[in-house]
Amino acid sequence: MRASPRAGAARVAGIAAEADGGAALKVAVTAAPEGGKANAALLRVLAKEWGLPKSTMSITGGTASRRKTLFVSGDSRELMTRLKRWMENKL
């Protein structure tokens, strides 16, 4: 996932091609990248978009970087179904 702090609006901005040939979900947040504010905002945006509690998500890599790794707890089948449905409607 790639975060963009200090954006004009908080939103999921699509998929970005990565230099390594992979892809990352682009998420824009209005918060500044200081004191964990942008990371907290990122979790709020994703929780709202995916209809999941914020408490089920945590940033497990890249807390001080634009490129982040996210862990989502819960039933993996249910999460995959929910995320696939979200991607079909949003991306």
C-alpha atoms as a PDB file:
ATOM      1  CA  MET A   1       0.000   0.000   0.000  1.00  0.00           C
ATOM      2  CA  ARG A   2       1.220   3.488  -0.744  1.00  0.00           C
ATOM      3  CA  ALA A   3       0.129   6.382   1.455  1.00  0.00           C
ATOM      4  CA  SER A   4      -0.063  10.027   0.403  1.00  0.00           C
ATOM      5  CA  PRO A   5      -0.237  12.348   3.423  1.00  0.00           C
ATOM      6  CA  ARG A   6      -1.407  15.963   3.326  1.00  0.00           C
ATOM      7  CA  ALA A   7      -3.769  15.264   0.443  1.00  0.00           C
ATOM      8  CA  GLY A   8      -6.709  17.482  -0.389  1.00  0.00           C
ATOM      9  CA  ALA A   9      -9.174  14.708   0.478  1.00  0.00           C
ATOM     10  CA  ALA A  10      -9.038  11.348   2.225  1.00  0.00           C
ATOM     11  CA  ARG A  11      -9.776   8.561  -0.250  1.00  0.00           C
ATOM     12  CA  VAL A  12      -8.597   5.398  -1.912  1.00  0.00           C
ATOM     13  CA  ALA A  13      -6.985   6.706  -5.085  1.00  0.00           C
ATOM     14  CA  GLY A  14      -6.613   3.467  -7.049  1.00  0.00           C
ATOM     15  CA  ILE A  15      -3.778   1.094  -7.843  1.00  0.00           C
ATOM     16  CA  ALA A  16      -0.195   2.241  -8.452  1.00  0.00           C
ATOM     17  CA  ALA A  17       2.489   0.333 -10.346  1.00  0.00           C
ATOM     18  CA  GLU A  18       5.571  -0.290  -8.209  1.00  0.00           C
ATOM     19  CA  ALA A  19       9.169  -0.166  -9.428  1.00  0.00           C
ATOM     20  CA  ASP A  20       9.602  -3.864  -8.608  1.00  0.00           C
ATOM     21  CA  GLY A  21       6.779  -4.799 -11.004  1.00  0.00           C
ATOM     22  CA  GLY A  22       4.183  -5.210  -8.256  1.00  0.00           C
ATOM     23  CA  ALA A  23       1.161  -3.082  -7.513  1.00  0.00           C
ATOM     24  CA  ALA A  24       0.051  -1.134  -4.449  1.00  0.00           C
ATOM     25  CA  LEU A  25      -3.215   0.331  -3.276  1.00  0.00           C
ATOM     26  CA  LYS A  26      -2.909   4.141  -3.205  1.00  0.00           C
ATOM     27  CA  VAL A  27      -4.544   5.807  -0.206  1.00  0.00           C
ATOM     28  CA  ALA A  28      -4.626   9.573   0.306  1.00  0.00           C
ATOM     29  CA  VAL A  29      -5.106  11.108   3.756  1.00  0.00           C
ATOM     30  CA  THR A  30      -5.336  14.728   4.809  1.00  0.00           C
ATOM     31  CA  ALA A  31      -3.274  14.264   7.992  1.00  0.00           C
ATOM     32  CA  ALA A  32       0.385  15.219   8.199  1.00  0.00           C
ATOM     33  CA  PRO A  33       2.968  12.445   8.608  1.00  0.00           C
ATOM     34  CA  GLU A  34       3.891  13.359  12.163  1.00  0.00           C
ATOM     35  CA  GLY A  35       3.241  11.580  15.427  1.00  0.00           C
ATOM     36  CA  GLY A  36       1.428   8.717  13.735  1.00  0.00           C
ATOM     37  CA  LYS A  37      -1.427  10.958  12.569  1.00  0.00           C
ATOM     38  CA  ALA A  38      -1.230   9.906   8.906  1.00  0.00           C
ATOM     39  CA  ASN A  39      -1.073   6.216   9.845  1.00  0.00           C
ATOM     40  CA  ALA A  40      -4.152   6.556  12.064  1.00  0.00           C
ATOM     41  CA  ALA A  41      -5.962   8.406   9.265  1.00  0.00           C
ATOM     42  CA  LEU A  42      -4.995   5.670   6.808  1.00  0.00           C
ATOM     43  CA  LEU A  43      -6.578   3.020   9.043  1.00  0.00           C
ATOM     44  CA  ARG A  44      -9.743   5.135   9.398  1.00  0.00           C
ATOM     45  CA  VAL A  45     -10.069   5.515   5.614  1.00  0.00           C
ATOM     46  CA  LEU A  46      -9.622   1.798   4.994  1.00  0.00           C
ATOM     47  CA  ALA A  47     -11.945   0.791   7.840  1.00  0.00           C
ATOM     48  CA  LYS A  48     -14.669   2.990   6.380  1.00  0.00           C
ATOM     49  CA  GLU A  49     -14.086   1.827   2.798  1.00  0.00           C
ATOM     50  CA  TRP A  50     -14.035  -1.863   3.691  1.00  0.00           C
ATOM     51  CA  GLY A  51     -16.741  -1.732   6.377  1.00  0.00           C
ATOM     52  CA  LEU A  52     -14.414  -3.192   9.002  1.00  0.00           C
ATOM     53  CA  PRO A  53     -13.620  -2.079  12.550  1.00  0.00           C
ATOM     54  CA  LYS A  54     -10.351  -0.140  12.847  1.00  0.00           C
ATOM     55  CA  SER A  55      -9.403  -2.503  15.655  1.00  0.00           C
ATOM     56  CA  THR A  56      -9.016  -5.346  13.121  1.00  0.00           C
ATOM     57  CA  MET A  57      -6.257  -3.512  11.250  1.00  0.00           C
ATOM     58  CA  SER A  58      -2.677  -2.637  12.035  1.00  0.00           C
ATOM     59  CA  ILE A  59       0.294  -1.363  10.080  1.00  0.00           C
ATOM     60  CA  THR A  60       2.972  -4.034  10.343  1.00  0.00           C
ATOM     61  CA  GLY A  61       5.611  -2.509   8.087  1.00  0.00           C
ATOM     62  CA  GLY A  62       6.602   0.919   6.855  1.00  0.00           C
ATOM     63  CA  THR A  63       5.190   3.021   9.679  1.00  0.00           C
ATOM     64  CA  ALA A  64       7.641   5.817   8.767  1.00  0.00           C
ATOM     65  CA  SER A  65       7.450   5.249   5.002  1.00  0.00           C
ATOM     66  CA  ARG A  66       4.918   5.911   2.251  1.00  0.00           C
ATOM     67  CA  ARG A  67       4.959   2.205   1.408  1.00  0.00           C
ATOM     68  CA  LYS A  68       3.140   0.246   4.113  1.00  0.00           C
ATOM     69  CA  THR A  69       2.186  -3.312   4.941  1.00  0.00           C
ATOM     70  CA  LEU A  70      -1.187  -3.842   6.561  1.00  0.00           C
ATOM     71  CA  PHE A  71      -2.436  -6.752   8.657  1.00  0.00           C
ATOM     72  CA  VAL A  72      -6.186  -7.364   8.844  1.00  0.00           C
ATOM     73  CA  SER A  73      -7.414  -9.866  11.411  1.00  0.00           C
ATOM     74  CA  GLY A  74     -10.549 -11.932  11.013  1.00  0.00           C
ATOM     75  CA  ASP A  75     -11.897 -14.859   9.062  1.00  0.00           C
ATOM     76  CA  SER A  76      -9.760 -15.020   5.910  1.00  0.00           C
ATOM     77  CA  ARG A  77     -12.557 -16.286   3.656  1.00  0.00           C
ATOM     78  CA  GLU A  78     -14.929 -13.571   4.772  1.00  0.00           C
ATOM     79  CA  LEU A  79     -12.225 -10.909   4.370  1.00  0.00           C
ATOM     80  CA  MET A  80     -11.321 -12.090   0.861  1.00  0.00           C
ATOM     81  CA  THR A  81     -14.976 -12.124  -0.180  1.00  0.00           C
ATOM     82  CA  ARG A  82     -15.483  -8.626   1.221  1.00  0.00           C
ATOM     83  CA  LEU A  83     -12.317  -7.235  -0.403  1.00  0.00           C
ATOM     84  CA  LYS A  84     -13.033  -8.832  -3.788  1.00  0.00           C
ATOM     85  CA  ARG A  85     -16.528  -7.321  -3.745  1.00  0.00           C
ATOM     86  CA  TRP A  86     -15.082  -3.940  -2.770  1.00  0.00           C
ATOM     87  CA  MET A  87     -12.518  -4.075  -5.591  1.00  0.00           C
ATOM     88  CA  GLU A  88     -15.166  -4.949  -8.165  1.00  0.00           C
ATOM     89  CA  ASN A  89     -17.215  -1.905  -7.106  1.00  0.00           C
ATOM     90  CA  LYS A  90     -14.425   0.616  -6.497  1.00  0.00           C
ATOM     91  CA  LEU A  91     -11.488  -0.128  -8.756  1.00  0.00           C
END
